[in-house]
PDB file of N, CA and C in Angstrom:
ATOM      1  N   ASP A   1     116.587  89.162  99.152  1.00  0.00           N
ATOM      2  CA  ASP A   1     117.747  90.107  99.574  1.00  0.00           C
ATOM      3  C   ASP A   1     117.305  91.002 100.475  1.00  0.00           C
ATOM      4  N   TYR A   2     118.075  91.190 101.484  1.00  0.00           N
ATOM      5  CA  TYR A   2     117.972  91.902 102.585  1.00  0.00           C
ATOM      6  C   TYR A   2     118.554  93.763 102.197  1.00  0.00           C
ATOM      7  N   THR A   3     119.675  93.874 101.790  1.00  0.00           N
ATOM      8  CA  THR A   3     120.118  95.123 101.435  1.00  0.00           C
ATOM      9  C   THR A   3     119.847  95.145 100.057  1.00  0.00           C
ATOM     10  N   LEU A   4     119.287  96.195  99.626  1.00  0.00           N
ATOM     11  CA  LEU A   4     119.567  96.622  98.070  1.00  0.00           C
ATOM     12  C   LEU A   4     120.137  98.231  97.907  1.00  0.00           C
ATOM     13  N   THR A   5     120.957  98.153  96.921  1.00  0.00           N
ATOM     14  CA  THR A   5     121.609  99.418  96.983  1.00  0.00           C
ATOM     15  C   THR A   5     120.973 100.001  95.560  1.00  0.00           C
ATOM     16  N   GLY A   6     121.082 101.563  95.453  1.00  0.00           N
ATOM     17  CA  GLY A   6     120.789 102.235  94.481  1.00  0.00           C
ATOM     18  C   GLY A   6     121.585 103.399  93.700  1.00  0.00           C
ATOM     19  N   ASP A   7     122.104 103.350  92.395  1.00  0.00           N
ATOM     20  CA  ASP A   7     122.797 104.390  91.963  1.00  0.00           C
ATOM     21  C   ASP A   7     122.096 104.813  90.810  1.00  0.00           C
ATOM     22  N   ALA A   8     121.577 106.236  91.301  1.00  0.00           N
ATOM     23  CA  ALA A   8     121.047 107.201  90.913  1.00  0.00           C
ATOM     24  C   ALA A   8     121.756 108.170  89.682  1.00  0.00           C
ATOM     25  N   THR A   9     123.088 107.640  89.562  1.00  0.00           N
ATOM     26  CA  THR A   9     123.603 108.556  88.805  1.00  0.00           C
ATOM     27  C   THR A   9     123.264 108.920  87.520  1.00  0.00           C
ATOM     28  N   SER A  10     122.970 108.032  86.657  1.00  0.00           N
ATOM     29  CA  SER A  10     122.168 108.647  85.267  1.00  0.00           C
ATOM     30  C   SER A  10     120.787 109.033  85.209  1.00  0.00           C
ATOM     31  N   ALA A  11     120.196 108.857  86.349  1.00  0.00           N
ATOM     32  CA  ALA A  11     118.451 109.276  86.831  1.00  0.00           C
ATOM     33  C   ALA A  11     118.227 108.727  87.966  1.00  0.00           C
ATOM     34  N   ALA A  12     117.162 109.785  88.321  1.00  0.00           N
ATOM     35  CA  ALA A  12     116.358 109.190  89.536  1.00  0.00           C
ATOM     36  C   ALA A  12     115.570 107.866  89.301  1.00  0.00           C
ATOM     37  N   PHE A  13     115.181 107.241  90.222  1.00  0.00           N
ATOM     38  CA  PHE A  13     114.366 106.189  89.954  1.00  0.00           C
ATOM     39  C   PHE A  13     113.645 105.609  91.003  1.00  0.00           C
ATOM     40  N   THR A  14     112.573 104.857  90.958  1.00  0.00           N
ATOM     41  CA  THR A  14     111.886 104.186  92.047  1.00  0.00           C
ATOM     42  C   THR A  14     112.247 102.880  92.148  1.00  0.00           C
ATOM     43  N   MET A  15     112.012 102.123  93.697  1.00  0.00           N
ATOM     44  CA  MET A  15     112.234 100.836  93.379  1.00  0.00           C
ATOM     45  C   MET A  15     110.630 100.774  94.413  1.00  0.00           C
ATOM     46  N   THR A  16     110.018  99.705  93.959  1.00  0.00           N
ATOM     47  CA  THR A  16     108.701  99.329  94.577  1.00  0.00           C
ATOM     48  C   THR A  16     108.747  98.226  95.409  1.00  0.00           C
ATOM     49  N   LEU A  17     108.322  98.394  96.773  1.00  0.00           N
ATOM     50  CA  LEU A  17     108.573  97.180  97.631  1.00  0.00           C
ATOM     51  C   LEU A  17     107.563  95.995  97.343  1.00  0.00           C
ATOM     52  N   PRO A  18     107.619  94.648  97.620  1.00  0.00           N
ATOM     53  CA  PRO A  18     106.730  93.854  97.571  1.00  0.00           C
ATOM     54  C   PRO A  18     105.385  94.193  98.372  1.00  0.00           C
ATOM     55  N   THR A  19     104.259  93.271  97.953  1.00  0.00           N
ATOM     56  CA  THR A  19     103.078  93.571  98.986  1.00  0.00           C
ATOM     57  C   THR A  19     103.445  93.425 100.411  1.00  0.00           C
ATOM     58  N   ALA A  20     103.214  94.386 101.339  1.00  0.00           N
ATOM     59  CA  ALA A  20     103.277  94.166 103.026  1.00  0.00           C
ATOM     60  C   ALA A  20     102.609  92.838 103.448  1.00  0.00           C
ATOM     61  N   ALA A  21     101.282  92.540 102.822  1.00  0.00           N
ATOM     62  CA  ALA A  21     100.487  91.179 102.846  1.00  0.00           C
ATOM     63  C   ALA A  21     101.487  89.911 102.972  1.00  0.00           C
ATOM     64  N   SER A  22     102.316  89.977 101.340  1.00  0.00           N
ATOM     65  CA  SER A  22     102.983  88.712 101.545  1.00  0.00           C
ATOM     66  C   SER A  22     104.862  88.711 102.293  1.00  0.00           C
ATOM     67  N   SER A  23     104.804  90.240 102.679  1.00  0.00           N
ATOM     68  CA  SER A  23     106.063  90.123 103.367  1.00  0.00           C
ATOM     69  C   SER A  23     106.017  90.344 104.956  1.00  0.00           C
ATOM     70  N   THR A  24     104.958  90.024 105.919  1.00  0.00           N
ATOM     71  CA  THR A  24     104.728  89.959 106.909  1.00  0.00           C
ATOM     72  C   THR A  24     106.040  89.628 107.777  1.00  0.00           C
ATOM     73  N   GLY A  25     106.735  90.720 108.758  1.00  0.00           N
ATOM     74  CA  GLY A  25     107.948  90.504 109.149  1.00  0.00           C
ATOM     75  C   GLY A  25     109.223  90.737 108.167  1.00  0.00           C
ATOM     76  N   LYS A  26     108.970  90.787 107.121  1.00  0.00           N
ATOM     77  CA  LYS A  26     110.420  90.939 106.249  1.00  0.00           C
ATOM     78  C   LYS A  26     111.091  92.277 106.501  1.00  0.00           C
ATOM     79  N   ILE A  27     112.284  92.508 106.421  1.00  0.00           N
ATOM     80  CA  ILE A  27     112.931  93.629 106.757  1.00  0.00           C
ATOM     81  C   ILE A  27     113.927  94.090 105.236  1.00  0.00           C
ATOM     82  N   PHE A  28     113.749  95.219 104.755  1.00  0.00           N
ATOM     83  CA  PHE A  28     114.627  95.729 103.672  1.00  0.00           C
ATOM     84  C   PHE A  28     115.050  96.949 103.819  1.00  0.00           C
ATOM     85  N   ASN A  29     116.459  96.620 103.478  1.00  0.00           N
ATOM     86  CA  ASN A  29     117.533  98.031 103.948  1.00  0.00           C
ATOM     87  C   ASN A  29     117.601  98.459 102.346  1.00  0.00           C
ATOM     88  N   ILE A  30     117.449  99.697 102.116  1.00  0.00           N
ATOM     89  CA  ILE A  30     117.865 100.214 100.935  1.00  0.00           C
ATOM     90  C   ILE A  30     118.859 101.686 101.313  1.00  0.00           C
ATOM     91  N   LYS A  31     119.421 101.592 100.258  1.00  0.00           N
ATOM     92  CA  LYS A  31     120.853 102.427 100.599  1.00  0.00           C
ATOM     93  C   LYS A  31     121.227 103.331  98.838  1.00  0.00           C
ATOM     94  N   LYS A  32     121.449 104.249  98.868  1.00  0.00           N
ATOM     95  CA  LYS A  32     121.770 105.284  98.141  1.00  0.00           C
ATOM     96  C   LYS A  32     123.256 105.194  98.152  1.00  0.00           C
ATOM     97  N   ILE A  33     124.060 104.734  96.749  1.00  0.00           N
ATOM     98  CA  ILE A  33     125.323 104.800  96.563  1.00  0.00           C
ATOM     99  C   ILE A  33     126.088 105.989  96.101  1.00  0.00           C
ATOM    100  N   ASP A  34     125.300 106.697  95.121  1.00  0.00           N
ATOM    101  CA  ASP A  34     125.923 107.411  94.310  1.00  0.00           C
ATOM    102  C   ASP A  34     126.021 108.954  95.080  1.00  0.00           C
ATOM    103  N   ALA A  35     126.562 109.930  94.442  1.00  0.00           N
ATOM    104  CA  ALA A  35     126.717 111.290  94.937  1.00  0.00           C
ATOM    105  C   ALA A  35     125.957 112.367  94.233  1.00  0.00           C
ATOM    106  N   SER A  36     125.054 111.729  92.973  1.00  0.00           N
ATOM    107  CA  SER A  36     124.291 112.521  92.061  1.00  0.00           C
ATOM    108  C   SER A  36     123.226 113.484  93.222  1.00  0.00           C
ATOM    109  N   ALA A  37     122.680 114.270  92.241  1.00  0.00           N
ATOM    110  CA  ALA A  37     121.163 115.053  93.118  1.00  0.00           C
ATOM    111  C   ALA A  37     120.146 114.038  92.727  1.00  0.00           C
ATOM    112  N   ASN A  38     120.129 112.949  92.166  1.00  0.00           N
ATOM    113  CA  ASN A  38     118.798 112.427  91.815  1.00  0.00           C
ATOM    114  C   ASN A  38     118.410 111.652  92.829  1.00  0.00           C
ATOM    115  N   ALA A  39     117.310 111.317  93.367  1.00  0.00           N
ATOM    116  CA  ALA A  39     117.227 110.188  94.333  1.00  0.00           C
ATOM    117  C   ALA A  39     116.365 108.913  94.184  1.00  0.00           C
ATOM    118  N   VAL A  40     116.619 108.388  95.085  1.00  0.00           N
ATOM    119  CA  VAL A  40     116.109 106.679  94.713  1.00  0.00           C
ATOM    120  C   VAL A  40     114.996 106.938  96.060  1.00  0.00           C
ATOM    121  N   THR A  41     114.063 106.476  95.038  1.00  0.00           N
ATOM    122  CA  THR A  41     112.367 106.546  95.691  1.00  0.00           C
ATOM    123  C   THR A  41     112.127 105.087  96.114  1.00  0.00           C
ATOM    124  N   LEU A  42     111.294 105.427  97.612  1.00  0.00           N
ATOM    125  CA  LEU A  42     111.116 104.122  97.994  1.00  0.00           C
ATOM    126  C   LEU A  42     109.706 103.762  97.671  1.00  0.00           C
ATOM    127  N   LYS A  43     108.739 103.171  97.491  1.00  0.00           N
ATOM    128  CA  LYS A  43     107.461 103.026  97.331  1.00  0.00           C
ATOM    129  C   LYS A  43     106.592 101.821  97.504  1.00  0.00           C
ATOM    130  N   GLY A  44     105.630 101.780  98.243  1.00  0.00           N
ATOM    131  CA  GLY A  44     104.643 100.720  98.692  1.00  0.00           C
ATOM    132  C   GLY A  44     104.095 100.155  97.504  1.00  0.00           C
ATOM    133  N   SER A  45     103.952  98.980  97.355  1.00  0.00           N
ATOM    134  CA  SER A  45     103.022  98.394  96.180  1.00  0.00           C
ATOM    135  C   SER A  45     101.575  98.713  96.377  1.00  0.00           C
ATOM    136  N   GLY A  46     100.874  99.016  95.366  1.00  0.00           N
ATOM    137  CA  GLY A  46      99.495  99.682  95.065  1.00  0.00           C
ATOM    138  C   GLY A  46      99.449 100.960  96.214  1.00  0.00           C
ATOM    139  N   ALA A  47      98.335 100.870  96.809  1.00  0.00           N
ATOM    140  CA  ALA A  47      98.357 101.975  97.824  1.00  0.00           C
ATOM    141  C   ALA A  47      99.161 101.881  99.120  1.00  0.00           C
ATOM    142  N   GLU A  48      99.745 101.018  99.450  1.00  0.00           N
ATOM    143  CA  GLU A  48     100.439 100.439 100.795  1.00  0.00           C
ATOM    144  C   GLU A  48     101.489 101.636 101.111  1.00  0.00           C
ATOM    145  N   LEU A  49     101.410 102.243 102.188  1.00  0.00           N
ATOM    146  CA  LEU A  49     102.051 103.308 102.737  1.00  0.00           C
ATOM    147  C   LEU A  49     103.328 102.854 103.723  1.00  0.00           C
ATOM    148  N   ILE A  50     104.294 103.937 103.696  1.00  0.00           N
ATOM    149  CA  ILE A  50     105.838 103.733 104.180  1.00  0.00           C
ATOM    150  C   ILE A  50     105.497 104.830 105.167  1.00  0.00           C
ATOM    151  N   ASP A  51     105.303 104.355 106.589  1.00  0.00           N
ATOM    152  CA  ASP A  51     105.304 105.268 107.592  1.00  0.00           C
ATOM    153  C   ASP A  51     104.145 106.334 107.101  1.00  0.00           C
ATOM    154  N   GLY A  52     103.404 106.119 106.811  1.00  0.00           N
ATOM    155  CA  GLY A  52     101.660 107.252 106.582  1.00  0.00           C
ATOM    156  C   GLY A  52     102.005 107.990 105.360  1.00  0.00           C
ATOM    157  N   SER A  53     103.043 107.575 104.500  1.00  0.00           N
ATOM    158  CA  SER A  53     103.222 108.235 103.153  1.00  0.00           C
ATOM    159  C   SER A  53     103.345 107.340 101.958  1.00  0.00           C
ATOM    160  N   ASN A  54     103.336 107.766 100.992  1.00  0.00           N
ATOM    161  CA  ASN A  54     102.800 106.962  99.652  1.00  0.00           C
ATOM    162  C   ASN A  54     104.452 106.729  99.203  1.00  0.00           C
ATOM    163  N   THR A  55     105.534 107.355  99.367  1.00  0.00           N
ATOM    164  CA  THR A  55     106.912 107.533  99.033  1.00  0.00           C
ATOM    165  C   THR A  55     107.917 107.785 100.186  1.00  0.00           C
ATOM    166  N   ARG A  56     109.217 107.415  99.772  1.00  0.00           N
ATOM    167  CA  ARG A  56     110.032 108.096 100.536  1.00  0.00           C
ATOM    168  C   ARG A  56     111.484 108.074  99.948  1.00  0.00           C
ATOM    169  N   ALA A  57     111.853 109.294  99.740  1.00  0.00           N
ATOM    170  CA  ALA A  57     113.129 109.595  98.815  1.00  0.00           C
ATOM    171  C   ALA A  57     114.292 109.499  99.528  1.00  0.00           C
ATOM    172  N   ILE A  58     115.096 108.998  99.158  1.00  0.00           N
ATOM    173  CA  ILE A  58     116.776 108.730  99.637  1.00  0.00           C
ATOM    174  C   ILE A  58     117.503 109.786  99.004  1.00  0.00           C
ATOM    175  N   THR A  59     117.729 111.111  99.433  1.00  0.00           N
ATOM    176  CA  THR A  59     118.864 111.802  98.307  1.00  0.00           C
ATOM    177  C   THR A  59     120.037 112.027  98.541  1.00  0.00           C
ATOM    178  N   SER A  60     120.607 111.685  99.449  1.00  0.00           N
ATOM    179  CA  SER A  60     122.199 111.653 100.063  1.00  0.00           C
ATOM    180  C   SER A  60     122.912 110.246  99.879  1.00  0.00           C
ATOM    181  N   GLN A  61     124.121 110.612  99.545  1.00  0.00           N
ATOM    182  CA  GLN A  61     124.632 109.285  98.951  1.00  0.00           C
ATOM    183  C   GLN A  61     125.075 109.125 100.470  1.00  0.00           C
ATOM    184  N   TYR A  62     125.238 107.427 100.494  1.00  0.00           N
ATOM    185  CA  TYR A  62     125.207 106.534 101.711  1.00  0.00           C
ATOM    186  C   TYR A  62     124.134 106.580 102.490  1.00  0.00           C
ATOM    187  N   SER A  63     123.109 107.413 101.988  1.00  0.00           N
ATOM    188  CA  SER A  63     121.929 107.165 103.136  1.00  0.00           C
ATOM    189  C   SER A  63     121.442 106.190 102.794  1.00  0.00           C
ATOM    190  N   SER A  64     120.477 105.335 104.049  1.00  0.00           N
ATOM    191  CA  SER A  64     119.941 104.593 103.757  1.00  0.00           C
ATOM    192  C   SER A  64     118.438 104.598 104.478  1.00  0.00           C
ATOM    193  N   VAL A  65     117.232 103.501 104.048  1.00  0.00           N
ATOM    194  CA  VAL A  65     116.025 103.475 105.017  1.00  0.00           C
ATOM    195  C   VAL A  65     115.987 102.137 105.422  1.00  0.00           C
ATOM    196  N   THR A  66     115.852 101.442 106.166  1.00  0.00           N
ATOM    197  CA  THR A  66     115.205 100.427 106.652  1.00  0.00           C
ATOM    198  C   THR A  66     114.005 100.158 106.765  1.00  0.00           C
ATOM    199  N   VAL A  67     113.101  99.132 106.077  1.00  0.00           N
ATOM    200  CA  VAL A  67     111.592  99.023 106.470  1.00  0.00           C
ATOM    201  C   VAL A  67     111.136  97.721 106.942  1.00  0.00           C
ATOM    202  N   GLN A  68     110.073  97.835 107.743  1.00  0.00           N
ATOM    203  CA  GLN A  68     109.474  96.292 107.868  1.00  0.00           C
ATOM    204  C   GLN A  68     108.369  96.280 107.943  1.00  0.00           C
ATOM    205  N   SER A  69     107.615  95.068 107.278  1.00  0.00           N
ATOM    206  CA  SER A  69     106.285  94.883 106.992  1.00  0.00           C
ATOM    207  C   SER A  69     105.332  94.464 108.405  1.00  0.00           C
ATOM    208  N   ASN A  70     104.312  95.005 108.249  1.00  0.00           N
ATOM    209  CA  ASN A  70     103.418  94.260 109.428  1.00  0.00           C
ATOM    210  C   ASN A  70     102.436  93.436 108.950  1.00  0.00           C
ATOM    211  N   GLY A  71     102.556  93.472 107.693  1.00  0.00           N
ATOM    212  CA  GLY A  71     101.384  92.588 106.949  1.00  0.00           C
ATOM    213  C   GLY A  71     100.489  93.645 106.378  1.00  0.00           C
ATOM    214  N   THR A  72     100.205  94.442 106.579  1.00  0.00           N
ATOM    215  CA  THR A  72      99.379  95.794 106.002  1.00  0.00           C
ATOM    216  C   THR A  72     100.187  96.682 105.741  1.00  0.00           C
ATOM    217  N   VAL A  73     101.095  97.390 106.141  1.00  0.00           N
ATOM    218  CA  VAL A  73     101.739  98.411 105.686  1.00  0.00           C
ATOM    219  C   VAL A  73     103.204  98.361 106.386  1.00  0.00           C
ATOM    220  N   TRP A  74     104.072  99.109 105.672  1.00  0.00           N
ATOM    221  CA  TRP A  74     105.805  99.335 105.751  1.00  0.00           C
ATOM    222  C   TRP A  74     106.092 100.303 106.809  1.00  0.00           C
ATOM    223  N   TYR A  75     106.675 100.152 107.957  1.00  0.00           N
ATOM    224  CA  TYR A  75     107.321 100.739 108.770  1.00  0.00           C
ATOM    225  C   TYR A  75     108.616 101.070 108.527  1.00  0.00           C
ATOM    226  N   ILE A  76     109.220 102.516 108.688  1.00  0.00           N
ATOM    227  CA  ILE A  76     110.548 102.854 108.935  1.00  0.00           C
ATOM    228  C   ILE A  76     111.261 102.597 110.138  1.00  0.00           C
ATOM    229  N   ILE A  77     111.857 101.607 110.371  1.00  0.00           N
ATOM    230  CA  ILE A  77     112.753 101.140 111.719  1.00  0.00           C
ATOM    231  C   ILE A  77     113.923 101.891 111.957  1.00  0.00           C
ATOM    232  N   LEU A  78     114.640 102.173 110.822  1.00  0.00           N
ATOM    233  CA  LEU A  78     115.962 103.175 111.269  1.00  0.00           C
ATOM    234  C   LEU A  78     115.927 103.978 110.071  1.00  0.00           C
TER     235      LEU A  78
END
């Protein structure tokens, strides 16, 4: 899947990306679709980072984060 939607209406939750090493060049777009105050949090696999951080929270309805693997870490590209 390229685009993953997250509905945190019931509770905040975390989506874990596959390993960067097994996903070189892969792009994922993660979009929060609900209006609740609960976050959809994106996390790298194990100790892998997303733009230098362990996690990236999406807190606003219809906000999204697009990431791409370089084979070692994940970079936010949008």
